[in-house]
C-alpha atoms as a PDB file:
ATOM      1  CA  LYS A   1       0.000   0.000   0.000  1.00  0.00           C
ATOM      2  CA  GLU A   2       3.020   2.297   0.160  1.00  0.00           C
ATOM      3  CA  PRO A   3       3.326   4.873  -2.654  1.00  0.00           C
ATOM      4  CA  LEU A   4       7.029   4.121  -3.185  1.00  0.00           C
ATOM      5  CA  LEU A   5       9.363   1.200  -2.554  1.00  0.00           C
ATOM      6  CA  HIS A   6      12.993   0.368  -3.249  1.00  0.00           C
ATOM      7  CA  ALA A   7      14.090  -3.107  -4.327  1.00  0.00           C
ATOM      8  CA  ASP A   8      17.408  -4.902  -4.593  1.00  0.00           C
ATOM      9  CA  GLU A   9      18.920  -8.354  -4.217  1.00  0.00           C
ATOM     10  CA  THR A  10      22.296  -9.795  -3.308  1.00  0.00           C
ATOM     11  CA  GLY A  11      23.831 -13.253  -3.394  1.00  0.00           C
ATOM     12  CA  VAL A  12      24.077 -15.311  -0.204  1.00  0.00           C
ATOM     13  CA  ASN A  13      25.725 -18.655   0.458  1.00  0.00           C
ATOM     14  CA  ILE A  14      23.487 -21.295   2.057  1.00  0.00           C
ATOM     15  CA  GLY A  15      25.060 -24.674   2.729  1.00  0.00           C
ATOM     16  CA  GLY A  16      27.677 -24.024   0.064  1.00  0.00           C
ATOM     17  CA  LYS A  17      25.145 -23.106  -2.627  1.00  0.00           C
ATOM     18  CA  ARG A  18      24.364 -19.752  -4.190  1.00  0.00           C
ATOM     19  CA  ASN A  19      21.029 -18.285  -3.070  1.00  0.00           C
ATOM     20  CA  TRP A  20      19.558 -14.787  -3.167  1.00  0.00           C
ATOM     21  CA  LEU A  21      18.521 -12.366  -0.469  1.00  0.00           C
ATOM     22  CA  HIS A  22      15.794  -9.999  -1.680  1.00  0.00           C
ATOM     23  CA  CYS A  23      14.879  -6.693  -0.065  1.00  0.00           C
ATOM     24  CA  ALA A  24      11.861  -4.420  -0.463  1.00  0.00           C
ATOM     25  CA  SER A  25      12.039  -1.269   1.654  1.00  0.00           C
ATOM     26  CA  ASN A  26      11.422   2.437   2.055  1.00  0.00           C
ATOM     27  CA  ASP A  27      12.018   5.012   4.791  1.00  0.00           C
ATOM     28  CA  LYS A  28       9.506   3.278   7.106  1.00  0.00           C
ATOM     29  CA  TYR A  29       9.783  -0.454   6.471  1.00  0.00           C
ATOM     30  CA  THR A  30      12.329  -3.129   5.592  1.00  0.00           C
ATOM     31  CA  TYR A  31      11.438  -6.619   4.429  1.00  0.00           C
ATOM     32  CA  PHE A  32      14.054  -9.284   3.665  1.00  0.00           C
ATOM     33  CA  THR A  33      13.379 -12.683   2.131  1.00  0.00           C
ATOM     34  CA  VAL A  34      15.719 -15.419   0.929  1.00  0.00           C
ATOM     35  CA  ASP A  35      15.193 -17.675  -2.074  1.00  0.00           C
ATOM     36  CA  GLU A  36      17.144 -20.038  -4.291  1.00  0.00           C
ATOM     37  CA  LYS A  37      16.002 -17.971  -7.283  1.00  0.00           C
ATOM     38  CA  ARG A  38      16.869 -14.396  -8.223  1.00  0.00           C
ATOM     39  CA  GLY A  39      14.076 -13.408 -10.627  1.00  0.00           C
ATOM     40  CA  LYS A  40      10.313 -12.879 -10.649  1.00  0.00           C
ATOM     41  CA  GLU A  41       9.510 -16.337  -9.302  1.00  0.00           C
ATOM     42  CA  ALA A  42      11.330 -15.490  -6.073  1.00  0.00           C
ATOM     43  CA  MET A  43       9.788 -12.015  -5.886  1.00  0.00           C
ATOM     44  CA  ASP A  44       6.327 -13.535  -6.284  1.00  0.00           C
ATOM     45  CA  ARG A  45       7.002 -15.850  -3.347  1.00  0.00           C
ATOM     46  CA  ALA A  46       7.958 -12.825  -1.223  1.00  0.00           C
ATOM     47  CA  LYS A  47       4.369 -11.560  -1.745  1.00  0.00           C
ATOM     48  CA  VAL A  48       5.197  -7.852  -1.941  1.00  0.00           C
ATOM     49  CA  LEU A  49       5.659  -6.820  -5.563  1.00  0.00           C
ATOM     50  CA  PRO A  50       2.810  -8.886  -7.083  1.00  0.00           C
ATOM     51  CA  ASP A  51       0.275  -6.672  -5.270  1.00  0.00           C
ATOM     52  CA  PHE A  52       2.255  -3.427  -5.350  1.00  0.00           C
ATOM     53  CA  LYS A  53       0.779  -0.590  -7.439  1.00  0.00           C
ATOM     54  CA  GLY A  54       3.126   2.282  -6.579  1.00  0.00           C
ATOM     55  CA  ILE A  55       6.555   3.441  -7.760  1.00  0.00           C
ATOM     56  CA  LEU A  56       9.444   0.977  -7.537  1.00  0.00           C
ATOM     57  CA  VAL A  57      13.023   2.284  -7.512  1.00  0.00           C
ATOM     58  CA  HIS A  58      15.596  -0.244  -8.733  1.00  0.00           C
ATOM     59  CA  ASP A  59      18.782  -0.732 -10.754  1.00  0.00           C
ATOM     60  CA  HIS A  60      17.163  -1.972 -13.994  1.00  0.00           C
ATOM     61  CA  TRP A  61      17.267  -5.661 -13.113  1.00  0.00           C
ATOM     62  CA  LYS A  62      14.947  -6.812 -15.934  1.00  0.00           C
ATOM     63  CA  PRO A  63      12.623  -9.109 -13.906  1.00  0.00           C
ATOM     64  CA  TYR A  64      11.274  -6.010 -12.110  1.00  0.00           C
ATOM     65  CA  TYR A  65       9.790  -4.909 -15.418  1.00  0.00           C
ATOM     66  CA  LYS A  66       7.643  -8.030 -15.538  1.00  0.00           C
ATOM     67  CA  TYR A  67       5.359  -6.293 -13.035  1.00  0.00           C
ATOM     68  CA  LYS A  68       3.229  -4.286 -15.440  1.00  0.00           C
ATOM     69  CA  GLU A  69       1.113  -2.449 -12.852  1.00  0.00           C
ATOM     70  CA  ILE A  70       4.176  -0.926 -11.183  1.00  0.00           C
ATOM     71  CA  THR A  71       5.595   2.470 -12.150  1.00  0.00           C
ATOM     72  CA  HIS A  72       9.372   2.176 -12.411  1.00  0.00           C
ATOM     73  CA  ALA A  73      12.150   4.605 -11.483  1.00  0.00           C
ATOM     74  CA  LEU A  74      15.807   3.841 -12.161  1.00  0.00           C
ATOM     75  CA  CYS A  75      18.782   4.453  -9.885  1.00  0.00           C
ATOM     76  CA  ASN A  76      20.950   7.216 -11.305  1.00  0.00           C
ATOM     77  CA  ALA A  77      23.880   6.417  -9.034  1.00  0.00           C
ATOM     78  CA  HIS A  78      24.178   3.206 -11.053  1.00  0.00           C
ATOM     79  CA  HIS A  79      23.975   5.187 -14.281  1.00  0.00           C
ATOM     80  CA  ILE A  80      26.720   7.560 -13.175  1.00  0.00           C
ATOM     81  CA  ARG A  81      29.003   4.633 -12.284  1.00  0.00           C
ATOM     82  CA  GLU A  82      28.371   3.002 -15.666  1.00  0.00           C
ATOM     83  CA  LEU A  83      28.833   6.302 -17.480  1.00  0.00           C
ATOM     84  CA  GLN A  84      32.127   6.846 -15.671  1.00  0.00           C
ATOM     85  CA  ARG A  85      33.302   3.466 -16.921  1.00  0.00           C
ATOM     86  CA  VAL A  86      32.441   4.546 -20.471  1.00  0.00           C
ATOM     87  CA  VAL A  87      34.466   7.726 -19.908  1.00  0.00           C
ATOM     88  CA  ASP A  88      37.452   5.881 -18.435  1.00  0.00           C
ATOM     89  CA  HIS A  89      37.594   2.919 -20.809  1.00  0.00           C
ATOM     90  CA  ASP A  90      35.929   4.102 -24.026  1.00  0.00           C
ATOM     91  CA  LYS A  91      36.743   7.823 -23.832  1.00  0.00           C
ATOM     92  CA  LYS A  92      33.237   8.830 -24.919  1.00  0.00           C
ATOM     93  CA  GLU A  93      32.470  12.536 -24.603  1.00  0.00           C
ATOM     94  CA  TRP A  94      28.706  11.961 -24.463  1.00  0.00           C
ATOM     95  CA  ALA A  95      29.071   9.927 -21.255  1.00  0.00           C
ATOM     96  CA  LYS A  96      31.013  12.735 -19.579  1.00  0.00           C
ATOM     97  CA  ASN A  97      28.331  15.242 -20.605  1.00  0.00           C
ATOM     98  CA  MET A  98      25.566  12.978 -19.299  1.00  0.00           C
ATOM     99  CA  ILE A  99      27.259  12.627 -15.910  1.00  0.00           C
ATOM    100  CA  GLU A 100      27.454  16.410 -15.609  1.00  0.00           C
ATOM    101  CA  LEU A 101      23.814  16.801 -16.646  1.00  0.00           C
ATOM    102  CA  LEU A 102      22.496  14.189 -14.208  1.00  0.00           C
ATOM    103  CA  LYS A 103      24.424  15.808 -11.363  1.00  0.00           C
ATOM    104  CA  GLU A 104      23.112  19.240 -12.357  1.00  0.00           C
ATOM    105  CA  MET A 105      19.556  17.890 -12.406  1.00  0.00           C
ATOM    106  CA  ASN A 106      19.982  16.332  -8.975  1.00  0.00           C
ATOM    107  CA  ASN A 107      21.410  19.538  -7.496  1.00  0.00           C
ATOM    108  CA  ASN A 108      18.537  21.588  -8.898  1.00  0.00           C
ATOM    109  CA  VAL A 109      15.916  19.208  -7.510  1.00  0.00           C
ATOM    110  CA  TYR A 110      17.657  19.170  -4.116  1.00  0.00           C
ATOM    111  CA  GLU A 111      17.761  22.978  -3.951  1.00  0.00           C
ATOM    112  CA  SER A 112      14.177  23.509  -5.159  1.00  0.00           C
ATOM    113  CA  PRO A 113      11.336  24.137  -2.683  1.00  0.00           C
ATOM    114  CA  ASN A 114       9.670  20.816  -1.864  1.00  0.00           C
ATOM    115  CA  SER A 115      12.083  19.162  -4.343  1.00  0.00           C
ATOM    116  CA  ALA A 116       9.816  20.217  -7.197  1.00  0.00           C
ATOM    117  CA  LEU A 117      11.110  21.863 -10.371  1.00  0.00           C
ATOM    118  CA  SER A 118       9.029  24.184 -12.530  1.00  0.00           C
ATOM    119  CA  GLU A 119       7.554  22.743 -15.702  1.00  0.00           C
ATOM    120  CA  ALA A 120       9.788  25.028 -17.766  1.00  0.00           C
ATOM    121  CA  LYS A 121      12.947  23.857 -15.964  1.00  0.00           C
ATOM    122  CA  THR A 122      11.967  20.209 -16.339  1.00  0.00           C
ATOM    123  CA  HIS A 123      11.382  20.756 -20.061  1.00  0.00           C
ATOM    124  CA  GLU A 124      14.776  22.434 -20.390  1.00  0.00           C
ATOM    125  CA  PHE A 125      16.556  19.506 -18.726  1.00  0.00           C
ATOM    126  CA  ARG A 126      14.740  16.987 -20.919  1.00  0.00           C
ATOM    127  CA  GLU A 127      15.817  18.843 -24.033  1.00  0.00           C
ATOM    128  CA  LYS A 128      19.451  18.797 -22.858  1.00  0.00           C
ATOM    129  CA  TYR A 129      19.120  15.078 -22.135  1.00  0.00           C
ATOM    130  CA  ASP A 130      17.760  14.389 -25.625  1.00  0.00           C
ATOM    131  CA  ASP A 131      20.485  16.515 -27.214  1.00  0.00           C
ATOM    132  CA  ILE A 132      23.253  14.531 -25.499  1.00  0.00           C
ATOM    133  CA  LEU A 133      21.702  11.228 -26.549  1.00  0.00           C
ATOM    134  CA  GLU A 134      21.287  12.397 -30.127  1.00  0.00           C
ATOM    135  CA  LYS A 135      24.980  13.297 -30.347  1.00  0.00           C
ATOM    136  CA  ALA A 136      25.866  10.032 -28.602  1.00  0.00           C
ATOM    137  CA  GLN A 137      24.423   8.085 -31.528  1.00  0.00           C
ATOM    138  CA  LYS A 138      27.478   9.111 -33.563  1.00  0.00           C
ATOM    139  CA  GLU A 139      29.991   8.275 -30.824  1.00  0.00           C
ATOM    140  CA  SER A 140      28.386   4.961 -29.885  1.00  0.00           C
ATOM    141  CA  PRO A 141      26.566   3.741 -33.014  1.00  0.00           C
ATOM    142  CA  PRO A 142      24.607   0.489 -33.190  1.00  0.00           C
ATOM    143  CA  PRO A 143      26.341  -2.623 -34.569  1.00  0.00           C
ATOM    144  CA  ASP A 144      26.830  -2.684 -38.312  1.00  0.00           C
ATOM    145  CA  GLU A 145      24.260  -5.072 -39.809  1.00  0.00           C
ATOM    146  CA  ASN A 146      26.750  -5.856 -42.579  1.00  0.00           C
ATOM    147  CA  THR A 147      28.794  -7.766 -40.000  1.00  0.00           C
ATOM    148  CA  ARG A 148      25.942 -10.239 -39.444  1.00  0.00           C
ATOM    149  CA  LYS A 149      27.037 -13.764 -40.338  1.00  0.00           C
ATOM    150  CA  ALA A 150      25.014 -15.933 -42.681  1.00  0.00           C
ATOM    151  CA  GLY A 151      22.105 -17.476 -40.803  1.00  0.00           C
ATOM    152  CA  GLN A 152      22.754 -15.429 -37.655  1.00  0.00           C
ATOM    153  CA  ARG A 153      19.542 -14.431 -35.859  1.00  0.00           C
ATOM    154  CA  GLY A 154      18.580 -12.009 -33.111  1.00  0.00           C
ATOM    155  CA  ARG A 155      20.271  -8.819 -31.984  1.00  0.00           C
ATOM    156  CA  LEU A 156      23.901  -8.239 -32.737  1.00  0.00           C
ATOM    157  CA  LYS A 157      26.134  -7.895 -29.688  1.00  0.00           C
ATOM    158  CA  ARG A 158      26.274  -4.347 -28.299  1.00  0.00           C
ATOM    159  CA  THR A 159      29.303  -2.695 -26.731  1.00  0.00           C
ATOM    160  CA  LYS A 160      28.788  -1.689 -23.098  1.00  0.00           C
ATOM    161  CA  SER A 161      28.624   1.983 -24.068  1.00  0.00           C
ATOM    162  CA  ARG A 162      25.989   1.260 -26.740  1.00  0.00           C
ATOM    163  CA  ALA A 163      23.921  -0.916 -24.373  1.00  0.00           C
ATOM    164  CA  LEU A 164      23.923   1.859 -21.762  1.00  0.00           C
ATOM    165  CA  LEU A 165      23.007   4.450 -24.392  1.00  0.00           C
ATOM    166  CA  GLU A 166      20.029   2.376 -25.545  1.00  0.00           C
ATOM    167  CA  ARG A 167      18.825   2.004 -21.962  1.00  0.00           C
ATOM    168  CA  LEU A 168      18.987   5.769 -21.417  1.00  0.00           C
ATOM    169  CA  ILE A 169      16.986   6.240 -24.622  1.00  0.00           C
ATOM    170  CA  ASN A 170      14.403   3.483 -24.185  1.00  0.00           C
ATOM    171  CA  PHE A 171      13.811   4.068 -20.466  1.00  0.00           C
ATOM    172  CA  LYS A 172      14.054   7.853 -20.489  1.00  0.00           C
ATOM    173  CA  ASP A 173      10.906   8.395 -18.384  1.00  0.00           C
ATOM    174  CA  ASP A 174      12.125   5.974 -15.706  1.00  0.00           C
ATOM    175  CA  VAL A 175      15.571   7.611 -15.644  1.00  0.00           C
ATOM    176  CA  LEU A 176      14.108  11.108 -15.256  1.00  0.00           C
ATOM    177  CA  ARG A 177      11.117  10.337 -13.033  1.00  0.00           C
ATOM    178  CA  PHE A 178      12.815  12.105 -10.125  1.00  0.00           C
ATOM    179  CA  LEU A 179      12.522  15.379 -12.085  1.00  0.00           C
ATOM    180  CA  ASP A 180       8.723  15.321 -12.169  1.00  0.00           C
ATOM    181  CA  ASN A 181       7.776  13.563  -8.945  1.00  0.00           C
ATOM    182  CA  PRO A 182       9.131  14.886  -5.599  1.00  0.00           C
ATOM    183  CA  LEU A 183       8.454  11.463  -4.079  1.00  0.00           C
ATOM    184  CA  VAL A 184      11.035   9.805  -6.330  1.00  0.00           C
ATOM    185  CA  PRO A 185      14.693   9.920  -5.192  1.00  0.00           C
ATOM    186  CA  PHE A 186      17.683  10.264  -7.482  1.00  0.00           C
ATOM    187  CA  THR A 187      19.187   6.945  -6.362  1.00  0.00           C
ATOM    188  CA  ASN A 188      18.325   3.557  -4.900  1.00  0.00           C
ATOM    189  CA  SER A 189      20.516   4.236  -1.860  1.00  0.00           C
ATOM    190  CA  GLN A 190      17.723   3.495   0.644  1.00  0.00           C
ATOM    191  CA  VAL A 191      17.633  -0.217  -0.105  1.00  0.00           C
ATOM    192  CA  GLU A 192      21.399  -0.372  -0.634  1.00  0.00           C
ATOM    193  CA  ASN A 193      21.846   0.959   2.894  1.00  0.00           C
ATOM    194  CA  ASP A 194      19.252  -1.485   4.216  1.00  0.00           C
ATOM    195  CA  ILE A 195      20.911  -4.462   2.562  1.00  0.00           C
ATOM    196  CA  ARG A 196      24.465  -3.497   3.545  1.00  0.00           C
ATOM    197  CA  MET A 197      24.328  -5.260   6.934  1.00  0.00           C
ATOM    198  CA  THR A 198      23.519  -8.547   5.224  1.00  0.00           C
ATOM    199  CA  LYS A 199      26.628  -8.114   3.073  1.00  0.00           C
ATOM    200  CA  VAL A 200      28.671  -7.442   6.211  1.00  0.00           C
ATOM    201  CA  HIS A 201      27.239 -10.642   7.693  1.00  0.00           C
ATOM    202  CA  GLN A 202      28.391 -12.593   4.629  1.00  0.00           C
ATOM    203  CA  LYS A 203      31.912 -11.187   4.879  1.00  0.00           C
ATOM    204  CA  ILE A 204      32.170 -12.064   8.580  1.00  0.00           C
ATOM    205  CA  SER A 205      30.262 -15.330   8.802  1.00  0.00           C
ATOM    206  CA  GLY A 206      30.796 -16.501   5.237  1.00  0.00           C
ATOM    207  CA  SER A 207      27.535 -18.388   4.805  1.00  0.00           C
ATOM    208  CA  PHE A 208      24.375 -19.787   6.345  1.00  0.00           C
ATOM    209  CA  ARG A 209      24.335 -23.457   7.272  1.00  0.00           C
ATOM    210  CA  SER A 210      20.673 -23.904   6.380  1.00  0.00           C
ATOM    211  CA  THR A 211      17.757 -22.209   4.634  1.00  0.00           C
ATOM    212  CA  LYS A 212      15.938 -22.157   7.990  1.00  0.00           C
ATOM    213  CA  GLY A 213      18.771 -20.136   9.523  1.00  0.00           C
ATOM    214  CA  ALA A 214      18.756 -17.700   6.598  1.00  0.00           C
ATOM    215  CA  GLU A 215      14.992 -17.230   6.923  1.00  0.00           C
ATOM    216  CA  ILE A 216      15.336 -16.505  10.661  1.00  0.00           C
ATOM    217  CA  PHE A 217      18.110 -14.012   9.933  1.00  0.00           C
ATOM    218  CA  CYS A 218      15.871 -12.236   7.373  1.00  0.00           C
ATOM    219  CA  ARG A 219      12.980 -12.054   9.824  1.00  0.00           C
ATOM    220  CA  VAL A 220      15.122 -10.637  12.633  1.00  0.00           C
ATOM    221  CA  ARG A 221      16.911  -8.139  10.374  1.00  0.00           C
ATOM    222  CA  SER A 222      13.572  -6.985   8.894  1.00  0.00           C
ATOM    223  CA  TYR A 223      12.219  -6.352  12.381  1.00  0.00           C
ATOM    224  CA  LEU A 224      15.294  -4.524  13.683  1.00  0.00           C
ATOM    225  CA  SER A 225      15.677  -2.371  10.569  1.00  0.00           C
ATOM    226  CA  THR A 226      12.010  -1.376  10.618  1.00  0.00           C
ATOM    227  CA  CYS A 227      12.182  -0.520  14.331  1.00  0.00           C
ATOM    228  CA  ARG A 228      15.257   1.633  13.760  1.00  0.00           C
ATOM    229  CA  LYS A 229      13.369   3.585  11.088  1.00  0.00           C
ATOM    230  CA  HIS A 230      10.770   4.395  13.767  1.00  0.00           C
ATOM    231  CA  ASN A 231      13.441   5.517  16.254  1.00  0.00           C
ATOM    232  CA  VAL A 232      13.246   2.304  18.277  1.00  0.00           C
ATOM    233  CA  SER A 233      16.765   1.152  19.184  1.00  0.00           C
ATOM    234  CA  SER A 234      17.838  -2.419  18.505  1.00  0.00           C
ATOM    235  CA  SER A 235      18.297  -3.109  22.230  1.00  0.00           C
ATOM    236  CA  LEU A 236      14.783  -1.873  23.047  1.00  0.00           C
ATOM    237  CA  ALA A 237      13.332  -3.721  20.039  1.00  0.00           C
ATOM    238  CA  LEU A 238      14.877  -6.990  21.252  1.00  0.00           C
ATOM    239  CA  GLU A 239      13.773  -6.360  24.836  1.00  0.00           C
ATOM    240  CA  LEU A 240      10.189  -5.845  23.669  1.00  0.00           C
ATOM    241  CA  LEU A 241      10.423  -8.927  21.475  1.00  0.00           C
ATOM    242  CA  PHE A 242      11.405 -11.214  24.354  1.00  0.00           C
ATOM    243  CA  LYS A 243       8.710  -9.692  26.555  1.00  0.00           C
ATOM    244  CA  GLY A 244       6.144 -10.502  23.867  1.00  0.00           C
ATOM    245  CA  GLU A 245       5.329  -6.800  23.441  1.00  0.00           C
ATOM    246  CA  LEU A 246       5.066  -4.654  20.317  1.00  0.00           C
ATOM    247  CA  PRO A 247       6.855  -1.345  19.664  1.00  0.00           C
ATOM    248  CA  LEU A 248       4.657   1.710  20.188  1.00  0.00           C
ATOM    249  CA  PHE A 249       4.465   2.556  16.493  1.00  0.00           C
ATOM    250  CA  VAL A 250       2.636  -0.750  15.963  1.00  0.00           C
ATOM    251  CA  VAL A 251       0.553  -0.666  19.165  1.00  0.00           C
ATOM    252  CA  ASP A 252      -0.682   2.853  18.497  1.00  0.00           C
ATOM    253  CA  GLY A 253      -1.787   1.892  15.036  1.00  0.00           C
ATOM    254  CA  ALA A 254       0.132   4.796  13.556  1.00  0.00           C
ATOM    255  CA  GLU A 255       1.424   2.525  10.772  1.00  0.00           C
END
């Protein structure tokens, strides 16, 4: 029922096998689940995204787009990192210009009252965005169809710079959604922060011995993270848990 959620996933080791820890969160709630699958099948089992009708912020992992009733917003921190790689390795001027534009957009949104830009300013930024992408077509052109081998089917392999360029073109509205909607953040940092402790756990402990243990870990971490977002300390949250009591934000029915 939330208007906006963040989503991400990370690999976890369970009994020596690769599994996936999924996270759906926002500034009020955190929900972790673990599954042997990474894609939509696992997300369906988590029972959050199948019924979600709001805005989902993510890093363009394609299975998220299988949820057709969700409005999508892409993480621009990921785009800036990928663009920087294009600058460093492929020396593409368009990527450098796009980094500067995205940062300028973000600064303007941050400094605007209520994080809302005027319609004129939004239009101006979109025109600059389109102009950079139009010029990028020359620097990072599509594969030459004349190189297609006899009998070869499907799309020709794209360079990383071309693949990124096509994403920025084809998913323009999702890239720039933060310009038009004050609710939408520039990055997916909320869920990345939420999921960071699970990555620390993996570095320290190495793995889970069983799926049951991983599920318990997810349940406890979901509870503690959510309590922290409501200014309930971990020590108090655990004390209440072992007393069989609920934190005040649940008891009062505020959430």
